[in-house]
Amino acid sequence: MPGQRLPAKTKHHALNEGQRLGRTAEGVAVIHVTADDETGKVSSLDVPARHGAIPEEFEEQIRAL
């Protein structure tokens, strides 16, 4: 399951950080989350990039959270 969380201000920054971390980490996933600012309710979740060893069922697991 997810370990360290590194928020990014832009999708471009997140993709660059994911690629950089993927060089040394066992597995890295870049997750784009859209949520309501007031309630925090997630309206969409996307995984635009994966680097390294990520389990096949990863996306199913994070969507279930």
PDB file of N, CA and C in Angstrom:
ATOM      1  N   MET A   1       0.839  -1.184   0.000  1.00  0.00           N
ATOM      2  CA  MET A   1       0.000   0.000   0.000  1.00  0.00           C
ATOM      3  C   MET A   1       0.880   1.243   0.000  1.00  0.00           C
ATOM      4  N   PRO A   2       0.278   2.398  -0.256  1.00  0.00           N
ATOM      5  CA  PRO A   2       1.045   3.634  -0.355  1.00  0.00           C
ATOM      6  C   PRO A   2       1.888   3.920   0.879  1.00  0.00           C
ATOM      7  N   GLY A   3       3.048   4.459   0.621  1.00  0.00           N
ATOM      8  CA  GLY A   3       3.952   4.843   1.700  1.00  0.00           C
ATOM      9  C   GLY A   3       4.027   6.350   1.795  1.00  0.00           C
ATOM     10  N   GLN A   4       5.136   6.890   1.352  1.00  0.00           N
ATOM     11  CA  GLN A   4       5.374   8.326   1.428  1.00  0.00           C
ATOM     12  C   GLN A   4       4.481   9.075   0.441  1.00  0.00           C
ATOM     13  N   ARG A   5       3.921  10.182   0.898  1.00  0.00           N
ATOM     14  CA  ARG A   5       3.067  11.030   0.053  1.00  0.00           C
ATOM     15  C   ARG A   5       3.783  12.354  -0.166  1.00  0.00           C
ATOM     16  N   LEU A   6       3.917  12.766  -1.422  1.00  0.00           N
ATOM     17  CA  LEU A   6       4.550  14.037  -1.761  1.00  0.00           C
ATOM     18  C   LEU A   6       3.588  14.861  -2.609  1.00  0.00           C
ATOM     19  N   PRO A   7       2.856  15.796  -2.000  1.00  0.00           N
ATOM     20  CA  PRO A   7       1.938  16.634  -2.782  1.00  0.00           C
ATOM     21  C   PRO A   7       2.698  17.493  -3.797  1.00  0.00           C
ATOM     22  N   ALA A   8       2.082  17.725  -4.937  1.00  0.00           N
ATOM     23  CA  ALA A   8       2.669  18.571  -5.977  1.00  0.00           C
ATOM     24  C   ALA A   8       1.643  19.620  -6.379  1.00  0.00           C
ATOM     25  N   LYS A   9       2.138  20.800  -6.751  1.00  0.00           N
ATOM     26  CA  LYS A   9       1.237  21.891  -7.128  1.00  0.00           C
ATOM     27  C   LYS A   9       0.671  21.726  -8.531  1.00  0.00           C
ATOM     28  N   THR A  10       1.419  21.047  -9.403  1.00  0.00           N
ATOM     29  CA  THR A  10       0.948  20.849 -10.773  1.00  0.00           C
ATOM     30  C   THR A  10       1.128  19.388 -11.185  1.00  0.00           C
ATOM     31  N   LYS A  11       0.385  18.985 -12.190  1.00  0.00           N
ATOM     32  CA  LYS A  11       0.511  17.622 -12.711  1.00  0.00           C
ATOM     33  C   LYS A  11       1.904  17.414 -13.296  1.00  0.00           C
ATOM     34  N   HIS A  12       2.425  18.424 -13.979  1.00  0.00           N
ATOM     35  CA  HIS A  12       3.762  18.350 -14.569  1.00  0.00           C
ATOM     36  C   HIS A  12       4.812  18.106 -13.482  1.00  0.00           C
ATOM     37  N   HIS A  13       4.722  18.842 -12.389  1.00  0.00           N
ATOM     38  CA  HIS A  13       5.662  18.671 -11.277  1.00  0.00           C
ATOM     39  C   HIS A  13       5.538  17.265 -10.698  1.00  0.00           C
ATOM     40  N   ALA A  14       4.322  16.770 -10.545  1.00  0.00           N
ATOM     41  CA  ALA A  14       4.103  15.425 -10.002  1.00  0.00           C
ATOM     42  C   ALA A  14       4.722  14.358 -10.904  1.00  0.00           C
ATOM     43  N   LEU A  15       4.542  14.505 -12.209  1.00  0.00           N
ATOM     44  CA  LEU A  15       5.110  13.536 -13.144  1.00  0.00           C
ATOM     45  C   LEU A  15       6.632  13.554 -13.105  1.00  0.00           C
ATOM     46  N   ASN A  16       7.225  14.744 -13.024  1.00  0.00           N
ATOM     47  CA  ASN A  16       8.685  14.851 -12.934  1.00  0.00           C
ATOM     48  C   ASN A  16       9.213  14.239 -11.643  1.00  0.00           C
ATOM     49  N   GLU A  17       8.545  14.512 -10.521  1.00  0.00           N
ATOM     50  CA  GLU A  17       8.956  13.948  -9.229  1.00  0.00           C
ATOM     51  C   GLU A  17       8.817  12.429  -9.238  1.00  0.00           C
ATOM     52  N   GLY A  18       7.743  11.931  -9.817  1.00  0.00           N
ATOM     53  CA  GLY A  18       7.546  10.489  -9.908  1.00  0.00           C
ATOM     54  C   GLY A  18       8.651   9.818 -10.700  1.00  0.00           C
ATOM     55  N   GLN A  19       9.028  10.428 -11.805  1.00  0.00           N
ATOM     56  CA  GLN A  19      10.107   9.887 -12.628  1.00  0.00           C
ATOM     57  C   GLN A  19      11.432   9.919 -11.869  1.00  0.00           C
ATOM     58  N   ARG A  20      11.701  11.011 -11.170  1.00  0.00           N
ATOM     59  CA  ARG A  20      12.942  11.138 -10.400  1.00  0.00           C
ATOM     60  C   ARG A  20      12.990  10.096  -9.284  1.00  0.00           C
ATOM     61  N   LEU A  21      11.904   9.978  -8.524  1.00  0.00           N
ATOM     62  CA  LEU A  21      11.861   9.021  -7.413  1.00  0.00           C
ATOM     63  C   LEU A  21      11.890   7.579  -7.911  1.00  0.00           C
ATOM     64  N   GLY A  22      11.359   7.350  -9.096  1.00  0.00           N
ATOM     65  CA  GLY A  22      11.340   6.012  -9.667  1.00  0.00           C
ATOM     66  C   GLY A  22      12.715   5.459  -9.975  1.00  0.00           C
ATOM     67  N   ARG A  23      13.715   6.312 -10.033  1.00  0.00           N
ATOM     68  CA  ARG A  23      15.085   5.861 -10.289  1.00  0.00           C
ATOM     69  C   ARG A  23      15.682   5.137  -9.091  1.00  0.00           C
ATOM     70  N   THR A  24      15.217   5.479  -7.887  1.00  0.00           N
ATOM     71  CA  THR A  24      15.805   4.890  -6.677  1.00  0.00           C
ATOM     72  C   THR A  24      14.812   4.100  -5.832  1.00  0.00           C
ATOM     73  N   ALA A  25      13.536   4.346  -5.983  1.00  0.00           N
ATOM     74  CA  ALA A  25      12.524   3.653  -5.178  1.00  0.00           C
ATOM     75  C   ALA A  25      12.138   2.333  -5.840  1.00  0.00           C
ATOM     76  N   GLU A  26      11.652   1.416  -5.036  1.00  0.00           N
ATOM     77  CA  GLU A  26      11.211   0.121  -5.563  1.00  0.00           C
ATOM     78  C   GLU A  26      10.009   0.283  -6.486  1.00  0.00           C
ATOM     79  N   GLY A  27       9.098   1.168  -6.112  1.00  0.00           N
ATOM     80  CA  GLY A  27       7.921   1.431  -6.932  1.00  0.00           C
ATOM     81  C   GLY A  27       7.327   2.782  -6.592  1.00  0.00           C
ATOM     82  N   VAL A  28       6.911   3.517  -7.616  1.00  0.00           N
ATOM     83  CA  VAL A  28       6.331   4.852  -7.433  1.00  0.00           C
ATOM     84  C   VAL A  28       5.105   4.964  -8.334  1.00  0.00           C
ATOM     85  N   ALA A  29       4.037   5.516  -7.778  1.00  0.00           N
ATOM     86  CA  ALA A  29       2.842   5.795  -8.576  1.00  0.00           C
ATOM     87  C   ALA A  29       2.500   7.267  -8.412  1.00  0.00           C
ATOM     88  N   VAL A  30       2.208   7.933  -9.518  1.00  0.00           N
ATOM     89  CA  VAL A  30       1.748   9.318  -9.489  1.00  0.00           C
ATOM     90  C   VAL A  30       0.223   9.249  -9.521  1.00  0.00           C
ATOM     91  N   ILE A  31      -0.405   9.793  -8.478  1.00  0.00           N
ATOM     92  CA  ILE A  31      -1.861   9.733  -8.353  1.00  0.00           C
ATOM     93  C   ILE A  31      -2.424  11.146  -8.402  1.00  0.00           C
ATOM     94  N   HIS A  32      -3.336  11.397  -9.340  1.00  0.00           N
ATOM     95  CA  HIS A  32      -3.995  12.696  -9.455  1.00  0.00           C
ATOM     96  C   HIS A  32      -5.372  12.577  -8.815  1.00  0.00           C
ATOM     97  N   VAL A  33      -5.591  13.353  -7.758  1.00  0.00           N
ATOM     98  CA  VAL A  33      -6.850  13.304  -7.021  1.00  0.00           C
ATOM     99  C   VAL A  33      -7.571  14.634  -7.176  1.00  0.00           C
ATOM    100  N   THR A  34      -8.846  14.587  -7.548  1.00  0.00           N
ATOM    101  CA  THR A  34      -9.688  15.776  -7.595  1.00  0.00           C
ATOM    102  C   THR A  34     -10.706  15.639  -6.473  1.00  0.00           C
ATOM    103  N   ALA A  35     -10.732  16.653  -5.583  1.00  0.00           N
ATOM    104  CA  ALA A  35     -11.626  16.591  -4.426  1.00  0.00           C
ATOM    105  C   ALA A  35     -12.266  17.946  -4.187  1.00  0.00           C
ATOM    106  N   ASP A  36     -13.409  17.940  -3.525  1.00  0.00           N
ATOM    107  CA  ASP A  36     -14.109  19.159  -3.138  1.00  0.00           C
ATOM    108  C   ASP A  36     -13.301  19.861  -2.050  1.00  0.00           C
ATOM    109  N   ASP A  37     -13.023  21.153  -2.232  1.00  0.00           N
ATOM    110  CA  ASP A  37     -12.222  21.910  -1.264  1.00  0.00           C
ATOM    111  C   ASP A  37     -12.872  21.986   0.110  1.00  0.00           C
ATOM    112  N   GLU A  38     -14.182  22.065   0.155  1.00  0.00           N
ATOM    113  CA  GLU A  38     -14.880  22.219   1.434  1.00  0.00           C
ATOM    114  C   GLU A  38     -15.086  20.898   2.164  1.00  0.00           C
ATOM    115  N   THR A  39     -15.533  19.883   1.440  1.00  0.00           N
ATOM    116  CA  THR A  39     -15.867  18.612   2.094  1.00  0.00           C
ATOM    117  C   THR A  39     -14.730  17.600   2.070  1.00  0.00           C
ATOM    118  N   GLY A  40     -13.814  17.761   1.123  1.00  0.00           N
ATOM    119  CA  GLY A  40     -12.733  16.794   0.974  1.00  0.00           C
ATOM    120  C   GLY A  40     -13.152  15.538   0.228  1.00  0.00           C
ATOM    121  N   LYS A  41     -14.406  15.500  -0.227  1.00  0.00           N
ATOM    122  CA  LYS A  41     -14.909  14.325  -0.937  1.00  0.00           C
ATOM    123  C   LYS A  41     -14.223  14.207  -2.301  1.00  0.00           C
ATOM    124  N   VAL A  42     -13.682  13.026  -2.567  1.00  0.00           N
ATOM    125  CA  VAL A  42     -12.971  12.771  -3.819  1.00  0.00           C
ATOM    126  C   VAL A  42     -13.981  12.568  -4.942  1.00  0.00           C
ATOM    127  N   SER A  43     -13.797  13.328  -6.039  1.00  0.00           N
ATOM    128  CA  SER A  43     -14.691  13.186  -7.184  1.00  0.00           C
ATOM    129  C   SER A  43     -14.044  12.375  -8.301  1.00  0.00           C
ATOM    130  N   SER A  44     -12.718  12.370  -8.361  1.00  0.00           N
ATOM    131  CA  SER A  44     -12.041  11.531  -9.353  1.00  0.00           C
ATOM    132  C   SER A  44     -10.631  11.208  -8.887  1.00  0.00           C
ATOM    133  N   LEU A  45     -10.143  10.091  -9.395  1.00  0.00           N
ATOM    134  CA  LEU A  45      -8.817   9.610  -9.049  1.00  0.00           C
ATOM    135  C   LEU A  45      -8.223   8.981 -10.302  1.00  0.00           C
ATOM    136  N   ASP A  46      -6.996   9.375 -10.647  1.00  0.00           N
ATOM    137  CA  ASP A  46      -6.345   8.889 -11.856  1.00  0.00           C
ATOM    138  C   ASP A  46      -4.893   8.554 -11.526  1.00  0.00           C
ATOM    139  N   VAL A  47      -4.338   7.558 -12.196  1.00  0.00           N
ATOM    140  CA  VAL A  47      -2.928   7.193 -12.029  1.00  0.00           C
ATOM    141  C   VAL A  47      -2.244   7.437 -13.380  1.00  0.00           C
ATOM    142  N   PRO A  48      -1.713   8.665 -13.592  1.00  0.00           N
ATOM    143  CA  PRO A  48      -1.115   8.984 -14.889  1.00  0.00           C
ATOM    144  C   PRO A  48       0.265   8.373 -15.124  1.00  0.00           C
ATOM    145  N   ALA A  49       0.940   7.894 -14.054  1.00  0.00           N
ATOM    146  CA  ALA A  49       2.270   7.310 -14.240  1.00  0.00           C
ATOM    147  C   ALA A  49       2.582   6.299 -13.147  1.00  0.00           C
ATOM    148  N   ARG A  50       3.337   5.272 -13.545  1.00  0.00           N
ATOM    149  CA  ARG A  50       3.835   4.243 -12.626  1.00  0.00           C
ATOM    150  C   ARG A  50       5.299   4.003 -12.963  1.00  0.00           C
ATOM    151  N   HIS A  51       6.109   3.793 -11.939  1.00  0.00           N
ATOM    152  CA  HIS A  51       7.525   3.499 -12.143  1.00  0.00           C
ATOM    153  C   HIS A  51       7.912   2.370 -11.197  1.00  0.00           C
ATOM    154  N   GLY A  52       8.571   1.357 -11.716  1.00  0.00           N
ATOM    155  CA  GLY A  52       9.045   0.261 -10.879  1.00  0.00           C
ATOM    156  C   GLY A  52       7.982  -0.778 -10.587  1.00  0.00           C
ATOM    157  N   ALA A  53       8.164  -1.451  -9.455  1.00  0.00           N
ATOM    158  CA  ALA A  53       7.297  -2.571  -9.069  1.00  0.00           C
ATOM    159  C   ALA A  53       6.034  -2.076  -8.382  1.00  0.00           C
ATOM    160  N   ILE A  54       4.940  -2.090  -9.103  1.00  0.00           N
ATOM    161  CA  ILE A  54       3.633  -1.699  -8.568  1.00  0.00           C
ATOM    162  C   ILE A  54       2.712  -2.907  -8.752  1.00  0.00           C
ATOM    163  N   PRO A  55       2.062  -3.383  -7.684  1.00  0.00           N
ATOM    164  CA  PRO A  55       1.180  -4.548  -7.814  1.00  0.00           C
ATOM    165  C   PRO A  55       0.054  -4.311  -8.824  1.00  0.00           C
ATOM    166  N   GLU A  56      -0.340  -5.374  -9.511  1.00  0.00           N
ATOM    167  CA  GLU A  56      -1.418  -5.301 -10.502  1.00  0.00           C
ATOM    168  C   GLU A  56      -2.698  -4.708  -9.914  1.00  0.00           C
ATOM    169  N   GLU A  57      -3.008  -5.069  -8.663  1.00  0.00           N
ATOM    170  CA  GLU A  57      -4.260  -4.640  -8.039  1.00  0.00           C
ATOM    171  C   GLU A  57      -4.165  -3.265  -7.370  1.00  0.00           C
ATOM    172  N   PHE A  58      -3.085  -2.535  -7.582  1.00  0.00           N
ATOM    173  CA  PHE A  58      -2.854  -1.246  -6.929  1.00  0.00           C
ATOM    174  C   PHE A  58      -4.005  -0.266  -7.131  1.00  0.00           C
ATOM    175  N   GLU A  59      -4.417  -0.054  -8.380  1.00  0.00           N
ATOM    176  CA  GLU A  59      -5.473   0.928  -8.645  1.00  0.00           C
ATOM    177  C   GLU A  59      -6.788   0.537  -7.980  1.00  0.00           C
ATOM    178  N   GLU A  60      -7.107  -0.742  -7.971  1.00  0.00           N
ATOM    179  CA  GLU A  60      -8.325  -1.199  -7.293  1.00  0.00           C
ATOM    180  C   GLU A  60      -8.246  -0.895  -5.798  1.00  0.00           C
ATOM    181  N   GLN A  61      -7.072  -1.104  -5.207  1.00  0.00           N
ATOM    182  CA  GLN A  61      -6.893  -0.871  -3.772  1.00  0.00           C
ATOM    183  C   GLN A  61      -7.058   0.597  -3.414  1.00  0.00           C
ATOM    184  N   ILE A  62      -6.477   1.504  -4.198  1.00  0.00           N
ATOM    185  CA  ILE A  62      -6.583   2.922  -3.840  1.00  0.00           C
ATOM    186  C   ILE A  62      -7.982   3.460  -4.099  1.00  0.00           C
ATOM    187  N   ARG A  63      -8.684   2.918  -5.070  1.00  0.00           N
ATOM    188  CA  ARG A  63     -10.062   3.358  -5.325  1.00  0.00           C
ATOM    189  C   ARG A  63     -10.997   2.914  -4.205  1.00  0.00           C
ATOM    190  N   ALA A  64     -10.633   1.855  -3.495  1.00  0.00           N
ATOM    191  CA  ALA A  64     -11.457   1.342  -2.400  1.00  0.00           C
ATOM    192  C   ALA A  64     -11.276   2.142  -1.105  1.00  0.00           C
ATOM    193  N   LEU A  65     -10.265   3.004  -1.052  1.00  0.00           N
ATOM    194  CA  LEU A  65     -10.009   3.775   0.179  1.00  0.00           C
ATOM    195  C   LEU A  65     -11.088   4.788   0.454  1.00  0.00           C
TER     196      LEU A  65
END
